[in-house]
């Protein structure tokens, strides 16, 4: 009986987790087909940066040396470096208004702290009409 109860609890936990993930995916814009966030610099690495390099990472502007915006056939590929919360896990999203695409990050684990890290954020967006958009960082 003890193992049956334990098995039921574990199964219930997995079902609840899956249900939350399914709901979370429905909330994402239909044209966002891929998002990835990977850490490129830890807090220790960021502290070693000079002021100018840190400002570039914090900037709302894209850096031509480290960031990419490419309009390929029916896909928009965007890759950039950004300072993010060091304790958070993120999912990506977008918002399209007129001629602009707004890139968004959602903190999916809800954890916030004072630590920072630098992540490479990659978005792939379906663009069936091959439109040229202005891209705005989160």
C-alpha atoms as a PDB file:
ATOM      1  CA  UNK A   1       0.000   0.000   0.000  1.00  0.00           C
ATOM      2  CA  UNK A   2       2.900   2.320   0.814  1.00  0.00           C
ATOM      3  CA  UNK A   3       4.404   1.873  -2.692  1.00  0.00           C
ATOM      4  CA  UNK A   4       1.044   2.343  -4.355  1.00  0.00           C
ATOM      5  CA  UNK A   5       0.550   5.686  -2.559  1.00  0.00           C
ATOM      6  CA  UNK A   6       4.080   6.797  -3.418  1.00  0.00           C
ATOM      7  CA  UNK A   7       3.577   5.818  -7.073  1.00  0.00           C
ATOM      8  CA  UNK A   8       0.302   7.742  -7.196  1.00  0.00           C
ATOM      9  CA  UNK A   9       1.969  10.863  -5.765  1.00  0.00           C
ATOM     10  CA  UNK A  10       4.834  10.693  -8.267  1.00  0.00           C
ATOM     11  CA  UNK A  11       2.417  10.179 -11.176  1.00  0.00           C
ATOM     12  CA  UNK A  12       0.258  13.105 -10.000  1.00  0.00           C
ATOM     13  CA  UNK A  13       3.315  15.343  -9.776  1.00  0.00           C
ATOM     14  CA  UNK A  14       4.379  14.523 -13.352  1.00  0.00           C
ATOM     15  CA  UNK A  15       0.874  15.076 -14.693  1.00  0.00           C
ATOM     16  CA  UNK A  16       0.661  18.481 -13.012  1.00  0.00           C
ATOM     17  CA  UNK A  17       4.058  19.479 -14.417  1.00  0.00           C
ATOM     18  CA  UNK A  18       3.053  18.421 -17.918  1.00  0.00           C
ATOM     19  CA  UNK A  19      -0.235  20.318 -17.646  1.00  0.00           C
ATOM     20  CA  UNK A  20       1.611  23.517 -16.696  1.00  0.00           C
ATOM     21  CA  UNK A  21       4.020  23.103 -19.626  1.00  0.00           C
ATOM     22  CA  UNK A  22       1.176  22.582 -22.069  1.00  0.00           C
ATOM     23  CA  UNK A  23      -0.547  25.745 -20.831  1.00  0.00           C
ATOM     24  CA  UNK A  24       2.719  27.709 -20.983  1.00  0.00           C
ATOM     25  CA  UNK A  25       3.282  26.672 -24.620  1.00  0.00           C
ATOM     26  CA  UNK A  26      -0.203  27.823 -25.638  1.00  0.00           C
ATOM     27  CA  UNK A  27       0.576  31.313 -24.367  1.00  0.00           C
ATOM     28  CA  UNK A  28       3.575  31.710 -26.679  1.00  0.00           C
ATOM     29  CA  UNK A  29       3.068  33.640 -29.915  1.00  0.00           C
ATOM     30  CA  UNK A  30       2.177  31.284 -32.772  1.00  0.00           C
ATOM     31  CA  UNK A  31       4.953  32.587 -35.034  1.00  0.00           C
ATOM     32  CA  UNK A  32       7.766  31.925 -32.533  1.00  0.00           C
ATOM     33  CA  UNK A  33       9.068  28.526 -33.612  1.00  0.00           C
ATOM     34  CA  UNK A  34      12.267  28.298 -31.553  1.00  0.00           C
ATOM     35  CA  UNK A  35      13.853  29.853 -28.496  1.00  0.00           C
ATOM     36  CA  UNK A  36      17.064  29.013 -26.696  1.00  0.00           C
ATOM     37  CA  UNK A  37      18.908  30.671 -23.838  1.00  0.00           C
ATOM     38  CA  UNK A  38      22.446  29.607 -22.988  1.00  0.00           C
ATOM     39  CA  UNK A  39      24.848  31.131 -20.502  1.00  0.00           C
ATOM     40  CA  UNK A  40      28.000  32.635 -22.002  1.00  0.00           C
ATOM     41  CA  UNK A  41      29.336  34.541 -18.979  1.00  0.00           C
ATOM     42  CA  UNK A  42      28.884  34.055 -15.259  1.00  0.00           C
ATOM     43  CA  UNK A  43      28.842  36.845 -12.691  1.00  0.00           C
ATOM     44  CA  UNK A  44      32.595  36.364 -12.187  1.00  0.00           C
ATOM     45  CA  UNK A  45      33.198  36.943 -15.911  1.00  0.00           C
ATOM     46  CA  UNK A  46      30.919  39.984 -15.994  1.00  0.00           C
ATOM     47  CA  UNK A  47      32.738  41.621 -13.071  1.00  0.00           C
ATOM     48  CA  UNK A  48      35.990  41.406 -15.059  1.00  0.00           C
ATOM     49  CA  UNK A  49      34.526  43.372 -18.000  1.00  0.00           C
ATOM     50  CA  UNK A  50      35.436  47.004 -18.445  1.00  0.00           C
ATOM     51  CA  UNK A  51      32.652  49.562 -18.176  1.00  0.00           C
ATOM     52  CA  UNK A  52      32.268  49.985 -21.943  1.00  0.00           C
ATOM     53  CA  UNK A  53      31.888  46.239 -22.614  1.00  0.00           C
ATOM     54  CA  UNK A  54      29.330  45.957 -19.815  1.00  0.00           C
ATOM     55  CA  UNK A  55      27.353  48.897 -21.232  1.00  0.00           C
ATOM     56  CA  UNK A  56      27.220  47.188 -24.640  1.00  0.00           C
ATOM     57  CA  UNK A  57      25.698  44.089 -23.053  1.00  0.00           C
ATOM     58  CA  UNK A  58      23.145  46.230 -21.178  1.00  0.00           C
ATOM     59  CA  UNK A  59      22.267  48.325 -24.229  1.00  0.00           C
ATOM     60  CA  UNK A  60      18.906  48.220 -25.976  1.00  0.00           C
ATOM     61  CA  UNK A  61      20.800  48.393 -29.262  1.00  0.00           C
ATOM     62  CA  UNK A  62      22.112  45.330 -31.090  1.00  0.00           C
ATOM     63  CA  UNK A  63      25.896  44.974 -31.240  1.00  0.00           C
ATOM     64  CA  UNK A  64      27.117  44.334 -34.803  1.00  0.00           C
ATOM     65  CA  UNK A  65      30.096  42.318 -33.518  1.00  0.00           C
ATOM     66  CA  UNK A  66      28.211  39.878 -31.278  1.00  0.00           C
ATOM     67  CA  UNK A  67      24.560  39.935 -32.366  1.00  0.00           C
ATOM     68  CA  UNK A  68      22.788  38.676 -35.476  1.00  0.00           C
ATOM     69  CA  UNK A  69      19.492  39.541 -37.135  1.00  0.00           C
ATOM     70  CA  UNK A  70      18.970  37.622 -40.348  1.00  0.00           C
ATOM     71  CA  UNK A  71      15.916  37.446 -42.599  1.00  0.00           C
ATOM     72  CA  UNK A  72      16.149  34.023 -44.315  1.00  0.00           C
ATOM     73  CA  UNK A  73      13.400  32.970 -46.701  1.00  0.00           C
ATOM     74  CA  UNK A  74      10.410  32.624 -44.360  1.00  0.00           C
ATOM     75  CA  UNK A  75      12.360  32.649 -41.074  1.00  0.00           C
ATOM     76  CA  UNK A  76      13.759  35.520 -39.012  1.00  0.00           C
ATOM     77  CA  UNK A  77      16.826  34.452 -37.028  1.00  0.00           C
ATOM     78  CA  UNK A  78      17.828  36.638 -34.075  1.00  0.00           C
ATOM     79  CA  UNK A  79      20.753  35.948 -31.763  1.00  0.00           C
ATOM     80  CA  UNK A  80      22.107  38.384 -29.199  1.00  0.00           C
ATOM     81  CA  UNK A  81      23.916  38.647 -25.878  1.00  0.00           C
ATOM     82  CA  UNK A  82      22.092  40.110 -22.901  1.00  0.00           C
ATOM     83  CA  UNK A  83      22.520  40.525 -19.168  1.00  0.00           C
ATOM     84  CA  UNK A  84      19.802  38.535 -17.370  1.00  0.00           C
ATOM     85  CA  UNK A  85      18.911  37.530 -13.827  1.00  0.00           C
ATOM     86  CA  UNK A  86      21.405  34.898 -12.701  1.00  0.00           C
ATOM     87  CA  UNK A  87      18.827  32.774 -10.860  1.00  0.00           C
ATOM     88  CA  UNK A  88      16.023  32.748 -13.440  1.00  0.00           C
ATOM     89  CA  UNK A  89      15.156  30.254 -16.161  1.00  0.00           C
ATOM     90  CA  UNK A  90      13.608  31.847 -19.210  1.00  0.00           C
ATOM     91  CA  UNK A  91      11.219  31.028 -22.004  1.00  0.00           C
ATOM     92  CA  UNK A  92      11.030  33.337 -24.987  1.00  0.00           C
ATOM     93  CA  UNK A  93       8.074  35.027 -26.549  1.00  0.00           C
ATOM     94  CA  UNK A  94       7.418  37.763 -29.080  1.00  0.00           C
ATOM     95  CA  UNK A  95       4.889  40.465 -29.721  1.00  0.00           C
ATOM     96  CA  UNK A  96       4.294  41.818 -33.217  1.00  0.00           C
ATOM     97  CA  UNK A  97       2.947  45.348 -33.594  1.00  0.00           C
ATOM     98  CA  UNK A  98       2.722  46.864 -37.057  1.00  0.00           C
ATOM     99  CA  UNK A  99       6.285  46.851 -38.420  1.00  0.00           C
ATOM    100  CA  UNK A 100       8.053  45.816 -35.178  1.00  0.00           C
ATOM    101  CA  UNK A 101       8.819  42.582 -33.371  1.00  0.00           C
ATOM    102  CA  UNK A 102       9.292  42.887 -29.621  1.00  0.00           C
ATOM    103  CA  UNK A 103      11.390  40.092 -28.113  1.00  0.00           C
ATOM    104  CA  UNK A 104      10.234  39.006 -24.675  1.00  0.00           C
ATOM    105  CA  UNK A 105      11.630  36.842 -21.881  1.00  0.00           C
ATOM    106  CA  UNK A 106       9.447  35.138 -19.311  1.00  0.00           C
ATOM    107  CA  UNK A 107      10.921  34.011 -16.015  1.00  0.00           C
ATOM    108  CA  UNK A 108       9.459  30.506 -15.842  1.00  0.00           C
ATOM    109  CA  UNK A 109      10.751  29.495 -12.420  1.00  0.00           C
ATOM    110  CA  UNK A 110       9.808  32.792 -10.746  1.00  0.00           C
ATOM    111  CA  UNK A 111      13.140  33.048  -8.926  1.00  0.00           C
ATOM    112  CA  UNK A 112      14.814  36.459  -8.727  1.00  0.00           C
ATOM    113  CA  UNK A 113      18.148  37.373  -7.158  1.00  0.00           C
ATOM    114  CA  UNK A 114      20.826  40.052  -7.404  1.00  0.00           C
ATOM    115  CA  UNK A 115      23.202  37.819  -9.363  1.00  0.00           C
ATOM    116  CA  UNK A 116      23.598  38.493 -13.067  1.00  0.00           C
ATOM    117  CA  UNK A 117      24.799  36.422 -15.985  1.00  0.00           C
ATOM    118  CA  UNK A 118      25.162  36.984 -19.703  1.00  0.00           C
ATOM    119  CA  UNK A 119      23.089  34.713 -21.939  1.00  0.00           C
ATOM    120  CA  UNK A 120      22.995  34.204 -25.664  1.00  0.00           C
ATOM    121  CA  UNK A 121      19.318  34.444 -26.601  1.00  0.00           C
ATOM    122  CA  UNK A 122      18.215  32.882 -29.879  1.00  0.00           C
ATOM    123  CA  UNK A 123      14.797  33.399 -31.468  1.00  0.00           C
ATOM    124  CA  UNK A 124      13.513  31.893 -34.708  1.00  0.00           C
ATOM    125  CA  UNK A 125      10.318  33.456 -35.973  1.00  0.00           C
ATOM    126  CA  UNK A 126       8.102  32.315 -38.818  1.00  0.00           C
ATOM    127  CA  UNK A 127       7.791  35.083 -41.419  1.00  0.00           C
ATOM    128  CA  UNK A 128       5.563  33.701 -44.195  1.00  0.00           C
ATOM    129  CA  UNK A 129       5.109  37.074 -45.923  1.00  0.00           C
ATOM    130  CA  UNK A 130       8.864  37.803 -45.881  1.00  0.00           C
ATOM    131  CA  UNK A 131       8.302  41.175 -44.227  1.00  0.00           C
ATOM    132  CA  UNK A 132      11.148  43.316 -42.894  1.00  0.00           C
ATOM    133  CA  UNK A 133      10.533  44.122 -39.250  1.00  0.00           C
ATOM    134  CA  UNK A 134      12.269  46.376 -36.769  1.00  0.00           C
ATOM    135  CA  UNK A 135      13.466  44.153 -33.916  1.00  0.00           C
ATOM    136  CA  UNK A 136      13.310  45.435 -30.339  1.00  0.00           C
ATOM    137  CA  UNK A 137      15.083  43.695 -27.442  1.00  0.00           C
ATOM    138  CA  UNK A 138      13.155  42.844 -24.285  1.00  0.00           C
END
